[in-house]
Amino acid sequence: MTVDKPWLAQYPKNVPKTINPDQYTSLIELYEECFERFRMHPMTICMGVTHTYGDVDKASMAVAAWLQAQGIPKGSVVALMMPNVPQYLPTMIGILRAGYVCTPINPLYTGRELRHQLNDSGAQVIFVVDNFAQALEQVIEETNIKRIVLSKMGDMMGLKGILVNTVIRQVKRLVPKYNLNDPKYHVTKFPEVLKKGKHLPVQSPKATMQQKAILQYTGGTTGLSKGAVLTQRNIVAAAMQSEAWYRPVTSDINEVYINMVMALPLYHIFAFMLSLLGMRSGYTFILIPNPRDMPGFIKTLSKQPFHIFPAVNTLFKGLLDQPNFKDLNFSSLRITQAGGMAATEQTAARWLEVTGCPMVEGWGMTEGVAAGTANVITDRKFNGTIGIPVPSVDVIVVDDNGKRMGLNEAGEMCIKGPNVTSGYFNKDSSNDFTSDGYFRTGDIISMDEKGYITLLDRKKDMVLVSGFNVFPNEIESVMLDCKAIVDCAVIGIPDAHQGEAVKIYVVPADNNVTKSDIKEFALENLTGYKCPRHIEFVSELPKSAVGKVLRQKLREKHISDNPQTL
């Protein structure tokens, strides 16, 4: 299969078979090329405020200069905990330009989750929006953080930002109380970073393609998330692969500016990769800080044309369920990219009917900078597969013993390419690769004669909630700290809205335990998407002779009890 690579015959004429990331000396060179080429182009639009590529260039240089002035050793890790606001991209790029490694953090993390990522990564500085500072306050004493940069949502919105900050804090009350006033925390306000940084020199460290750029955390089989080490070369390669894949459509868009809807959170690897893909071509990103606010989201979309719309199935379905979504002008929409979770045929059909733009599904993983396989971008019919490998990506299918499977035979998907990580931060990654260097994805697939891949199942017990990886081991470990629980086990069950939902089977401590007790504990200790949406009390859990919980038995029980979910 790897010799013939049947998928190559399916490539459109103007999509190359391979890409060459080494045309750049570093990721920094790519960023600087973008800033030079598109200096006057609008780069981000957020709440009606526009920043050009030149604006972002200057802001990122100020961030870089300020960071270097703090005396933190080159190569140190800097954490970034923000939603999609104008300061996100200049901060991330500034971290990299200064010679540091960035670890993006989900702003909705609980204190427990935040503490683990900060400690595992060894982060010394954190940039955080004040809406989420309370979680940081809870764990700061238990981390290695030496500097805190506090930002407000409207910090890069000029006069409008004053109004935005007032509404968020005083009207909507979205900033929980926190206290980080102790001088030992070395807190600096984000506007001060920009003000001081623009007057400081930037020492341009010699960046190479082999240097670590991003520590992107993903779920671990032990229940603790692991940091995938993404080098500058990995990231450049993924951006080039995806840009090449979009080319058959984007090359025909006769517009001065191409607008990409950025509702996916930039701390997610899918959105991060798309941001770099877009920068290479001078795209404008329509930033959506809170996509859950569907009326506000639709209002934003009504204000300018949008050409590329990447999102997860949950978000597409949520928009389609809004009665006024169909009233938008979709005449400019050319690419609808579904990723992060399986897209359903029903949602794809509704999307095509309403927008006139077909939904194209793909597959990626954190460890591959979200690039992997995709359906041909010009295909108009939804086929339910995850497509074919993108340029310079090779995929093989193996059984549990490493034997390569034939076409249409099920096995584990293993992937190789310049975008694929070499391993996890401070972890032994030798078992994550085959003997010939392919990364084991843990997904069970089959490949047909044309190279199209069907995702059959996941080898591990991971639950995929709205595109986010949820690992049962982590949830079980946390929930077993609840005094009301004697034993528990977690599975994923089908969910029309989220793709999958978390279900927990609980052996309660006594008959007085209620589902509300379980929900309350979960909400205090787990990010929202990890919290069990379904709770069932049982007298005991099915286990093997050695005491291992048999999750398959629980899945069978759920199906038996709920035949309508089949």
Protein backbone atom coordinates (compact mmCIF):
# COMPACT_ATOMS: atom_id res chain seq x y z
CA MET A 1 0.00 0.00 0.00
CA THR A 2 2.75 2.46 0.88
CA VAL A 3 4.60 1.71 -2.36
CA ASP A 4 1.62 2.35 -4.61
CA LYS A 5 0.02 5.17 -2.60
CA PRO A 6 -3.26 4.90 -4.51
CA TRP A 7 -4.47 8.23 -3.13
CA LEU A 8 -1.99 10.19 -5.26
CA ALA A 9 -4.05 9.42 -8.36
CA GLN A 10 -6.99 11.26 -6.77
CA TYR A 11 -5.12 14.57 -6.36
CA PRO A 12 -6.38 17.55 -8.39
CA LYS A 13 -3.90 18.74 -11.04
CA ASN A 14 -2.67 21.77 -9.13
CA VAL A 15 -2.09 19.96 -5.81
CA PRO A 16 1.55 18.82 -5.46
CA LYS A 17 2.37 15.28 -4.36
CA THR A 18 4.87 16.61 -1.83
CA ILE A 19 5.74 19.85 -0.08
CA ASN A 20 9.14 21.17 0.98
CA PRO A 21 9.09 22.88 4.39
CA ASP A 22 12.84 23.35 4.19
CA GLN A 23 12.40 26.23 1.77
CA TYR A 24 12.20 28.16 5.04
CA THR A 25 15.00 28.29 7.58
CA SER A 26 12.49 28.61 10.43
CA LEU A 27 8.88 29.28 11.34
CA ILE A 28 9.97 32.80 12.25
CA GLU A 29 11.10 33.39 8.65
CA LEU A 30 7.65 32.36 7.44
CA TYR A 31 5.93 34.76 9.85
CA GLU A 32 8.20 37.63 8.83
CA GLU A 33 7.63 36.91 5.15
CA CYS A 34 3.86 37.17 5.74
CA PHE A 35 4.20 40.47 7.59
CA GLU A 36 6.34 41.89 4.78
CA ARG A 37 4.09 40.72 1.92
CA PHE A 38 0.74 41.68 3.43
CA ARG A 39 1.67 44.60 5.66
CA MET A 40 -1.35 46.75 4.81
CA HIS A 41 -3.82 43.86 4.54
CA PRO A 42 -6.38 43.45 7.33
CA MET A 43 -5.33 40.41 9.39
CA THR A 44 -7.98 40.22 12.12
CA ILE A 45 -11.46 41.62 12.60
CA CYS A 46 -12.93 41.29 16.09
CA MET A 47 -16.09 43.02 17.31
CA GLY A 48 -15.76 45.48 14.44
CA VAL A 49 -12.12 46.37 15.17
CA THR A 50 -9.56 45.66 12.43
CA HIS A 51 -5.81 45.06 12.79
CA THR A 52 -3.51 44.86 9.77
CA TYR A 53 -0.61 42.47 9.34
CA GLY A 54 1.61 45.45 10.11
CA ASP A 55 -0.24 46.07 13.39
CA VAL A 56 0.18 42.45 14.45
CA ASP A 57 3.86 42.55 13.44
CA LYS A 58 4.52 45.57 15.67
CA ALA A 59 2.55 44.16 18.61
CA SER A 60 4.31 40.80 18.41
CA MET A 61 7.71 42.53 18.35
CA ALA A 62 6.74 44.49 21.47
CA VAL A 63 5.73 41.26 23.22
CA ALA A 64 9.02 39.65 22.16
CA ALA A 65 11.10 42.59 23.38
CA TRP A 66 9.32 42.73 26.74
CA LEU A 67 9.74 38.99 27.29
CA GLN A 68 13.45 39.10 26.53
CA ALA A 69 13.87 41.96 29.00
CA GLN A 70 12.56 39.75 31.83
CA GLY A 71 15.78 37.75 31.86
CA ILE A 72 14.10 34.40 31.28
CA PRO A 73 16.44 31.84 29.68
CA LYS A 74 16.10 31.23 25.95
CA GLY A 75 14.00 28.17 25.20
CA SER A 76 11.84 28.56 28.31
CA VAL A 77 8.13 27.80 28.11
CA VAL A 78 5.54 30.59 28.10
CA ALA A 79 1.85 29.76 28.61
CA LEU A 80 -0.96 31.47 26.70
CA MET A 81 -4.49 31.30 28.13
CA MET A 82 -6.84 33.40 26.01
CA PRO A 83 -9.95 33.05 23.83
CA ASN A 84 -10.10 34.41 20.27
CA VAL A 85 -9.26 38.06 20.94
CA PRO A 86 -7.03 40.41 18.88
CA GLN A 87 -4.08 39.99 21.27
CA TYR A 88 -3.90 36.19 20.89
CA LEU A 89 -1.92 35.95 17.64
CA PRO A 90 0.54 38.80 18.38
CA THR A 91 1.22 37.24 21.78
CA MET A 92 1.84 33.76 20.39
CA ILE A 93 4.02 35.05 17.57
CA GLY A 94 5.87 37.33 20.00
CA ILE A 95 6.65 34.38 22.27
CA LEU A 96 8.16 32.49 19.35
CA ARG A 97 10.05 35.52 17.99
CA ALA A 98 11.65 36.02 21.40
CA GLY A 99 13.09 32.50 21.28
CA TYR A 100 10.65 30.86 23.68
CA VAL A 101 8.31 27.88 23.45
CA CYS A 102 4.56 28.48 23.68
CA THR A 103 2.09 26.17 25.41
CA PRO A 104 -1.52 27.16 24.64
CA ILE A 105 -4.02 26.49 27.44
CA ASN A 106 -7.78 26.09 27.29
CA PRO A 107 -9.14 29.11 29.23
CA LEU A 108 -11.98 26.97 30.58
CA TYR A 109 -9.66 24.60 32.41
CA THR A 110 -10.30 24.03 36.08
CA GLY A 111 -7.54 24.68 38.59
CA ARG A 112 -6.56 21.01 38.62
CA GLU A 113 -6.16 20.84 34.84
CA LEU A 114 -4.33 24.16 34.69
CA ARG A 115 -1.91 23.15 37.44
CA HIS A 116 -0.99 19.95 35.61
CA GLN A 117 -0.21 21.66 32.30
CA LEU A 118 1.78 24.48 33.91
CA ASN A 119 3.83 22.05 35.98
CA ASP A 120 4.34 19.45 33.27
CA SER A 121 5.45 22.06 30.74
CA GLY A 122 7.57 23.97 33.27
CA ALA A 123 6.06 27.27 32.11
CA GLN A 124 7.69 30.33 33.72
CA VAL A 125 5.43 33.06 32.30
CA ILE A 126 1.71 33.10 31.57
CA PHE A 127 -0.40 35.51 29.51
CA VAL A 128 -4.00 35.26 30.71
CA VAL A 129 -7.26 37.14 30.13
CA ASP A 130 -8.67 38.32 33.46
CA ASN A 131 -11.94 36.41 32.92
CA PHE A 132 -9.91 33.30 33.78
CA ALA A 133 -7.51 34.70 36.37
CA GLN A 134 -9.42 33.13 39.25
CA ALA A 135 -8.40 29.63 38.13
CA LEU A 136 -4.78 30.79 37.96
CA GLU A 137 -4.97 32.27 41.45
CA GLN A 138 -6.07 28.89 42.82
CA VAL A 139 -2.91 27.12 41.63
CA ILE A 140 -0.23 29.79 41.22
CA GLU A 141 1.58 28.84 44.44
CA GLU A 142 1.96 25.26 43.20
CA THR A 143 3.57 26.17 39.87
CA ASN A 144 6.85 27.51 38.52
CA ILE A 145 5.26 30.70 37.14
CA LYS A 146 7.53 33.72 37.72
CA ARG A 147 5.69 36.36 35.67
CA ILE A 148 1.99 36.98 34.95
CA VAL A 149 0.67 39.17 32.15
CA LEU A 150 -2.98 40.09 32.72
CA SER A 151 -5.06 41.09 29.75
CA LYS A 152 -8.64 42.25 29.31
CA MET A 153 -10.85 41.22 26.42
CA GLY A 154 -10.82 44.71 24.90
CA ASP A 155 -7.12 45.49 25.35
CA MET A 156 -6.41 45.82 21.61
CA MET A 157 -9.71 47.41 20.60
CA GLY A 158 -8.90 51.07 21.19
CA LEU A 159 -11.77 53.21 22.50
CA LYS A 160 -14.24 50.43 21.78
CA GLY A 161 -12.22 48.24 24.13
CA ILE A 162 -13.17 50.46 27.07
CA LEU A 163 -16.83 49.77 26.35
CA VAL A 164 -16.18 46.05 25.83
CA ASN A 165 -14.30 45.75 29.13
CA THR A 166 -17.00 47.67 31.01
CA VAL A 167 -19.80 45.49 29.64
CA ILE A 168 -17.91 42.26 30.36
CA ARG A 169 -16.99 43.26 33.91
CA GLN A 170 -19.88 45.44 35.08
CA VAL A 171 -22.91 44.38 33.03
CA LYS A 172 -22.40 40.71 32.18
CA ARG A 173 -20.19 40.11 35.24
CA LEU A 174 -18.00 37.63 33.38
CA VAL A 175 -14.86 38.34 35.43
CA PRO A 176 -14.92 36.32 38.69
CA LYS A 177 -13.14 37.95 41.61
CA TYR A 178 -9.44 37.18 41.95
CA ASN A 179 -6.48 38.50 43.89
CA LEU A 180 -3.05 38.46 42.27
CA ASN A 181 -1.84 41.68 43.89
CA ASP A 182 1.07 40.15 45.79
CA PRO A 183 4.31 41.64 44.36
CA LYS A 184 5.88 38.17 44.25
CA TYR A 185 3.61 37.31 41.30
CA HIS A 186 5.24 40.05 39.17
CA VAL A 187 1.97 40.96 37.44
CA THR A 188 2.08 43.24 34.38
CA LYS A 189 -0.94 44.54 32.47
CA PHE A 190 -0.94 43.65 28.77
CA PRO A 191 -1.11 47.30 27.60
CA GLU A 192 2.05 47.94 29.66
CA VAL A 193 3.79 45.09 27.86
CA LEU A 194 3.03 46.73 24.51
CA LYS A 195 3.92 50.22 25.76
CA LYS A 196 7.27 49.18 27.24
CA GLY A 197 8.09 46.60 24.62
CA LYS A 198 7.90 48.98 21.67
CA HIS A 199 10.80 50.98 23.13
CA LEU A 200 12.98 47.93 23.83
CA PRO A 201 15.37 46.23 21.41
CA VAL A 202 14.63 42.70 20.20
CA GLN A 203 17.52 40.27 20.06
CA SER A 204 16.65 38.01 17.15
CA PRO A 205 17.71 34.53 18.27
CA LYS A 206 18.92 32.20 15.54
CA ALA A 207 15.86 30.03 15.01
CA THR A 208 16.05 26.64 13.30
CA MET A 209 13.47 24.24 11.96
CA GLN A 210 14.41 21.65 14.57
CA GLN A 211 13.67 23.88 17.56
CA LYS A 212 10.62 23.28 19.72
CA ALA A 213 7.93 25.87 19.00
CA ILE A 214 4.73 24.61 20.60
CA LEU A 215 3.93 22.23 23.45
CA GLN A 216 0.37 21.28 22.54
CA TYR A 217 -1.30 19.22 25.23
CA THR A 218 -3.50 16.29 24.36
CA GLY A 219 -5.13 13.52 26.35
CA GLY A 220 -3.03 10.74 27.83
CA THR A 221 -3.94 7.11 28.44
CA THR A 222 -2.88 7.50 32.08
CA GLY A 223 -5.53 10.17 32.55
CA LEU A 224 -3.03 13.04 32.45
CA SER A 225 -2.61 15.15 29.34
CA LYS A 226 0.70 14.95 27.48
CA GLY A 227 2.54 17.72 25.66
CA ALA A 228 3.15 16.92 22.00
CA VAL A 229 6.44 18.54 20.98
CA LEU A 230 5.83 20.44 17.75
CA THR A 231 8.93 21.81 16.07
CA GLN A 232 9.09 24.81 13.79
CA ARG A 233 9.41 22.37 10.87
CA ASN A 234 6.33 20.39 11.92
CA ILE A 235 4.26 23.58 11.97
CA VAL A 236 5.56 24.99 8.68
CA ALA A 237 4.93 21.63 7.00
CA ALA A 238 1.33 21.41 8.22
CA ALA A 239 0.56 24.92 7.00
CA MET A 240 2.06 24.18 3.58
CA GLN A 241 0.20 20.87 3.28
CA SER A 242 -3.14 22.47 4.07
CA GLU A 243 -2.52 25.51 1.87
CA ALA A 244 -1.70 23.20 -1.04
CA TRP A 245 -4.89 21.23 -0.43
CA TYR A 246 -7.04 24.38 -0.51
CA ARG A 247 -5.36 25.70 -3.65
CA PRO A 248 -7.82 24.32 -6.28
CA VAL A 249 -10.50 26.54 -4.75
CA THR A 250 -8.62 29.50 -3.28
CA SER A 251 -6.74 30.14 -6.52
CA ASP A 252 -10.08 30.94 -8.17
CA ILE A 253 -11.38 33.37 -5.53
CA ASN A 254 -11.24 36.73 -7.28
CA GLU A 255 -11.40 38.92 -4.20
CA VAL A 256 -8.94 41.46 -2.84
CA TYR A 257 -9.12 39.82 0.58
CA ILE A 258 -10.11 36.28 1.53
CA ASN A 259 -11.98 36.11 4.83
CA MET A 260 -11.77 33.04 7.07
CA VAL A 261 -14.23 32.59 9.93
CA MET A 262 -12.21 31.83 13.07
CA ALA A 263 -14.78 30.46 15.49
CA LEU A 264 -12.58 27.52 16.44
CA PRO A 265 -10.52 28.46 19.51
CA LEU A 266 -6.98 29.45 18.57
CA TYR A 267 -5.61 27.40 21.47
CA HIS A 268 -6.90 24.31 19.59
CA ILE A 269 -4.37 22.83 17.16
CA PHE A 270 -6.86 22.86 14.25
CA ALA A 271 -7.39 26.62 14.51
CA PHE A 272 -3.70 27.35 15.11
CA MET A 273 -2.72 25.50 11.93
CA LEU A 274 -5.42 27.30 9.96
CA SER A 275 -4.15 30.66 11.19
CA LEU A 276 -0.73 29.97 9.70
CA LEU A 277 -2.24 28.57 6.50
CA GLY A 278 -4.20 31.81 6.17
CA MET A 279 -1.26 34.05 6.94
CA ARG A 280 0.75 32.53 4.08
CA SER A 281 -1.93 33.77 1.69
CA GLY A 282 -2.82 37.02 3.43
CA TYR A 283 -6.25 35.96 4.70
CA THR A 284 -8.31 38.06 7.07
CA PHE A 285 -9.51 36.22 10.18
CA ILE A 286 -12.98 37.03 11.48
CA LEU A 287 -12.38 36.30 15.18
CA ILE A 288 -15.32 34.95 17.16
CA PRO A 289 -14.51 35.17 20.91
CA ASN A 290 -17.68 33.35 21.98
CA PRO A 291 -19.24 31.09 19.32
CA ARG A 292 -21.80 29.85 21.87
CA ASP A 293 -23.52 33.22 21.51
CA MET A 294 -25.26 32.15 18.31
CA PRO A 295 -27.24 35.39 17.74
CA GLY A 296 -24.06 37.43 18.17
CA PHE A 297 -22.15 35.03 15.92
CA ILE A 298 -24.72 35.35 13.14
CA LYS A 299 -24.74 39.14 13.50
CA THR A 300 -20.95 39.16 13.02
CA LEU A 301 -21.25 37.00 9.90
CA SER A 302 -23.80 39.41 8.43
CA LYS A 303 -21.30 42.30 8.43
CA GLN A 304 -18.80 41.06 5.83
CA PRO A 305 -18.44 38.33 3.20
CA PHE A 306 -16.80 35.09 4.33
CA HIS A 307 -15.06 32.66 2.00
CA ILE A 308 -13.69 29.87 4.22
CA PHE A 309 -15.54 28.45 7.21
CA PRO A 310 -13.77 25.78 9.27
CA ALA A 311 -15.61 24.36 12.29
CA VAL A 312 -16.78 21.20 14.03
CA ASN A 313 -20.06 19.42 13.36
CA THR A 314 -21.55 20.70 16.63
CA LEU A 315 -21.08 24.31 15.59
CA PHE A 316 -22.43 23.80 12.08
CA LYS A 317 -25.54 22.12 13.50
CA GLY A 318 -26.00 24.86 16.10
CA LEU A 319 -25.97 27.55 13.42
CA LEU A 320 -28.37 25.63 11.20
CA ASP A 321 -30.79 25.38 14.11
CA GLN A 322 -30.94 29.19 14.36
CA PRO A 323 -33.96 30.42 12.36
CA ASN A 324 -32.20 33.51 10.96
CA PHE A 325 -29.00 31.73 9.87
CA LYS A 326 -30.53 30.96 6.48
CA ASP A 327 -30.98 34.70 5.86
CA LEU A 328 -27.22 35.32 5.64
CA ASN A 329 -25.53 35.96 2.29
CA PHE A 330 -23.57 32.81 1.42
CA SER A 331 -22.60 33.85 -2.10
CA SER A 332 -18.91 34.22 -1.15
CA LEU A 333 -18.59 30.94 0.78
CA ARG A 334 -16.29 28.57 -1.11
CA ILE A 335 -14.88 26.17 1.50
CA THR A 336 -16.63 24.59 4.47
CA GLN A 337 -14.06 22.52 6.33
CA ALA A 338 -15.33 20.04 8.91
CA GLY A 339 -12.82 18.64 11.38
CA GLY A 340 -12.17 17.94 15.03
CA MET A 341 -14.95 15.34 15.18
CA ALA A 342 -16.97 13.27 12.72
CA ALA A 343 -19.33 15.26 10.55
CA THR A 344 -22.76 13.70 10.16
CA GLU A 345 -24.43 13.14 6.82
CA GLN A 346 -27.56 14.91 8.08
CA THR A 347 -25.67 18.07 9.05
CA ALA A 348 -23.70 18.04 5.79
CA ALA A 349 -26.90 17.74 3.75
CA ARG A 350 -28.62 20.58 5.64
CA TRP A 351 -25.52 22.77 5.29
CA LEU A 352 -25.39 22.26 1.53
CA GLU A 353 -29.11 22.99 1.22
CA VAL A 354 -28.89 26.24 3.21
CA THR A 355 -25.52 27.60 2.09
CA GLY A 356 -24.96 26.01 -1.31
CA CYS A 357 -21.42 25.11 -0.22
CA PRO A 358 -20.52 21.43 0.30
CA MET A 359 -19.01 20.37 3.60
CA VAL A 360 -15.58 18.76 3.22
CA GLU A 361 -14.45 16.43 5.99
CA GLY A 362 -10.89 15.74 7.06
CA TRP A 363 -8.89 14.14 9.85
CA GLY A 364 -5.98 15.42 11.87
CA MET A 365 -4.40 15.00 15.27
CA THR A 366 -2.56 17.20 17.72
CA GLU A 367 0.61 15.21 17.08
CA GLY A 368 0.43 16.06 13.36
CA VAL A 369 -0.46 19.76 13.74
CA ALA A 370 -4.01 18.91 12.60
CA ALA A 371 -2.88 17.91 9.08
CA GLY A 372 -3.38 14.32 7.97
CA THR A 373 -6.14 13.35 5.58
CA ALA A 374 -8.89 15.26 3.81
CA ASN A 375 -11.46 14.87 1.10
CA VAL A 376 -10.68 16.60 -2.18
CA ILE A 377 -11.64 20.22 -1.69
CA THR A 378 -13.60 20.40 -4.96
CA ASP A 379 -15.80 17.38 -4.16
CA ARG A 380 -19.43 18.40 -3.83
CA LYS A 381 -20.78 15.12 -2.47
CA PHE A 382 -20.37 14.17 1.19
CA ASN A 383 -19.03 10.60 1.29
CA GLY A 384 -18.62 9.91 5.01
CA THR A 385 -14.90 9.16 4.74
CA ILE A 386 -12.05 11.19 6.19
CA GLY A 387 -10.54 11.49 2.74
CA ILE A 388 -7.04 10.70 1.53
CA PRO A 389 -3.56 11.61 2.84
CA VAL A 390 -2.49 15.19 2.08
CA PRO A 391 0.87 15.98 0.38
CA SER A 392 3.95 14.36 1.97
CA VAL A 393 1.83 12.29 4.36
CA ASP A 394 2.02 8.50 4.24
CA VAL A 395 -0.54 6.27 5.94
CA ILE A 396 -0.34 2.56 6.62
CA VAL A 397 -2.80 0.20 8.31
CA VAL A 398 -1.43 -2.42 10.71
CA ASP A 399 -2.77 -5.09 13.05
CA ASP A 400 -1.84 -5.46 16.71
CA ASN A 401 1.38 -7.24 15.75
CA GLY A 402 2.50 -4.57 13.32
CA LYS A 403 1.61 -6.57 10.20
CA ARG A 404 0.43 -4.38 7.35
CA MET A 405 -3.16 -4.93 6.34
CA GLY A 406 -4.52 -5.00 2.83
CA LEU A 407 -7.04 -2.72 1.18
CA ASN A 408 -10.47 -2.66 2.84
CA GLU A 409 -9.07 -4.48 5.89
CA ALA A 410 -9.44 -2.90 9.32
CA GLY A 411 -6.40 -2.02 11.40
CA GLU A 412 -4.68 0.77 13.28
CA MET A 413 -3.93 3.93 11.34
CA CYS A 414 -0.23 4.83 11.44
CA ILE A 415 1.07 8.03 9.89
CA LYS A 416 4.38 9.52 8.80
CA GLY A 417 5.18 13.00 7.48
CA PRO A 418 7.16 16.20 8.09
CA ASN A 419 4.26 17.53 10.18
CA VAL A 420 4.30 14.63 12.66
CA THR A 421 5.79 15.09 16.13
CA SER A 422 8.86 13.18 17.25
CA GLY A 423 7.26 12.52 20.63
CA TYR A 424 5.92 13.90 23.88
CA PHE A 425 7.59 16.34 26.24
CA ASN A 426 9.62 14.58 28.94
CA LYS A 427 7.99 11.25 28.09
CA ASP A 428 9.27 7.99 26.63
CA SER A 429 7.61 7.95 23.22
CA SER A 430 9.24 4.80 21.83
CA ASN A 431 6.00 2.81 21.98
CA ASP A 432 4.14 5.52 20.09
CA PHE A 433 5.91 4.66 16.83
CA THR A 434 6.25 1.56 14.69
CA SER A 435 9.70 0.09 14.09
CA ASP A 436 9.85 1.91 10.74
CA GLY A 437 8.92 5.31 12.18
CA TYR A 438 5.17 5.63 11.69
CA PHE A 439 3.20 7.28 14.50
CA ARG A 440 0.51 5.06 15.99
CA THR A 441 -2.70 7.10 16.00
CA GLY A 442 -4.85 4.65 17.95
CA ASP A 443 -7.63 5.00 15.37
CA ILE A 444 -9.04 1.97 13.59
CA ILE A 445 -9.53 2.53 9.85
CA SER A 446 -9.81 0.83 6.51
CA MET A 447 -8.54 2.14 3.17
CA ASP A 448 -10.20 1.46 -0.18
CA GLU A 449 -8.68 0.99 -3.64
CA LYS A 450 -8.53 4.74 -4.28
CA GLY A 451 -6.88 5.51 -0.95
CA TYR A 452 -10.00 6.87 0.75
CA ILE A 453 -10.02 6.18 4.47
CA THR A 454 -13.01 5.23 6.60
CA LEU A 455 -12.69 5.83 10.33
CA LEU A 456 -14.20 2.78 12.01
CA ASP A 457 -13.48 3.19 15.69
CA ARG A 458 -10.87 4.30 18.18
CA LYS A 459 -8.47 1.80 19.59
CA LYS A 460 -8.45 3.53 22.91
CA ASP A 461 -11.60 4.41 24.81
CA MET A 462 -11.41 8.10 24.03
CA VAL A 463 -14.66 10.03 23.86
CA LEU A 464 -14.87 12.84 21.30
CA VAL A 465 -17.07 15.67 22.59
CA SER A 466 -17.54 18.52 20.08
CA GLY A 467 -14.04 17.91 18.73
CA PHE A 468 -12.35 17.73 22.14
CA ASN A 469 -10.60 14.57 23.30
CA VAL A 470 -12.01 13.25 26.57
CA PHE A 471 -10.30 10.32 28.24
CA PRO A 472 -12.31 8.10 30.60
CA ASN A 473 -9.28 7.41 32.80
CA GLU A 474 -8.95 11.08 33.68
CA ILE A 475 -12.61 11.51 34.53
CA GLU A 476 -12.69 8.32 36.60
CA SER A 477 -9.57 9.37 38.50
CA VAL A 478 -11.14 12.71 39.39
CA MET A 479 -14.59 11.39 40.22
CA LEU A 480 -13.23 8.69 42.53
CA ASP A 481 -12.13 11.52 44.84
CA CYS A 482 -15.81 12.15 45.50
CA LYS A 483 -16.82 10.61 48.83
CA ALA A 484 -20.22 9.76 47.41
CA ILE A 485 -18.66 7.40 44.85
CA VAL A 486 -17.36 3.92 45.63
CA ASP A 487 -16.52 3.01 42.06
CA CYS A 488 -17.19 4.39 38.59
CA ALA A 489 -16.54 3.90 34.90
CA VAL A 490 -16.93 6.21 31.92
CA ILE A 491 -17.94 5.54 28.33
CA GLY A 492 -18.94 7.66 25.36
CA ILE A 493 -22.44 7.43 23.95
CA PRO A 494 -23.88 8.89 20.73
CA ASP A 495 -25.14 12.45 21.02
CA ALA A 496 -26.95 14.30 18.25
CA HIS A 497 -25.53 17.67 19.30
CA GLN A 498 -21.96 16.93 20.42
CA GLY A 499 -21.14 13.82 18.41
CA GLU A 500 -20.55 11.93 21.64
CA ALA A 501 -21.42 12.59 25.27
CA VAL A 502 -19.79 11.39 28.47
CA LYS A 503 -21.75 8.82 30.46
CA ILE A 504 -20.64 7.69 33.90
CA TYR A 505 -21.71 4.53 35.68
CA VAL A 506 -21.52 5.07 39.43
CA VAL A 507 -21.50 2.68 42.35
CA PRO A 508 -22.81 5.06 45.06
CA ALA A 509 -21.60 5.07 48.65
CA ASP A 510 -25.17 4.77 49.95
CA ASN A 511 -28.79 5.17 48.94
CA ASN A 512 -28.81 8.87 49.83
CA VAL A 513 -26.46 9.81 46.98
CA THR A 514 -28.21 11.74 44.21
CA LYS A 515 -27.30 12.52 40.62
CA SER A 516 -27.13 16.17 41.64
CA ASP A 517 -24.33 15.30 44.08
CA ILE A 518 -22.36 13.71 41.24
CA LYS A 519 -22.99 16.60 38.83
CA GLU A 520 -21.97 19.20 41.40
CA PHE A 521 -18.65 17.46 42.10
CA ALA A 522 -17.94 17.07 38.39
CA LEU A 523 -18.60 20.73 37.65
CA GLU A 524 -16.18 21.77 40.40
CA ASN A 525 -13.37 19.57 39.13
CA LEU A 526 -13.73 19.15 35.38
CA THR A 527 -13.95 21.42 32.36
CA GLY A 528 -17.52 21.58 31.06
CA TYR A 529 -17.09 19.30 28.06
CA LYS A 530 -15.56 16.60 30.28
CA CYS A 531 -18.45 16.59 32.75
CA PRO A 532 -20.72 13.54 32.48
CA ARG A 533 -24.02 14.47 30.84
CA HIS A 534 -25.50 11.10 31.70
CA ILE A 535 -25.29 9.40 35.09
CA GLU A 536 -26.47 5.90 35.91
CA PHE A 537 -26.27 4.23 39.31
CA VAL A 538 -25.32 0.53 39.39
CA SER A 539 -24.64 -1.92 42.20
CA GLU A 540 -21.37 -3.07 40.63
CA LEU A 541 -19.25 -2.66 37.51
CA PRO A 542 -18.42 -5.49 35.10
CA LYS A 543 -14.76 -6.44 35.53
CA SER A 544 -12.27 -8.96 34.22
CA ALA A 545 -10.60 -11.62 36.31
CA VAL A 546 -7.79 -9.19 37.11
CA GLY A 547 -10.16 -6.39 38.11
CA LYS A 548 -10.10 -4.33 34.91
CA VAL A 549 -13.37 -2.58 34.14
CA LEU A 550 -14.92 -3.99 30.97
CA ARG A 551 -16.13 -0.85 29.23
CA GLN A 552 -17.40 -2.84 26.27
CA LYS A 553 -19.90 -4.52 28.60
CA LEU A 554 -21.09 -1.07 29.69
CA ARG A 555 -21.49 0.01 26.07
CA GLU A 556 -23.53 -3.13 25.41
CA LYS A 557 -25.64 -2.38 28.48
CA HIS A 558 -26.31 1.16 27.30
CA ILE A 559 -27.37 -0.05 23.85
CA SER A 560 -29.56 -2.74 25.37
CA ASP A 561 -31.22 -0.22 27.70
CA ASN A 562 -31.50 2.42 24.97
CA PRO A 563 -32.14 0.65 21.64
CA GLN A 564 -33.21 3.96 20.09
CA THR A 565 -29.53 5.08 20.12
CA LEU A 566 -28.59 2.43 17.56
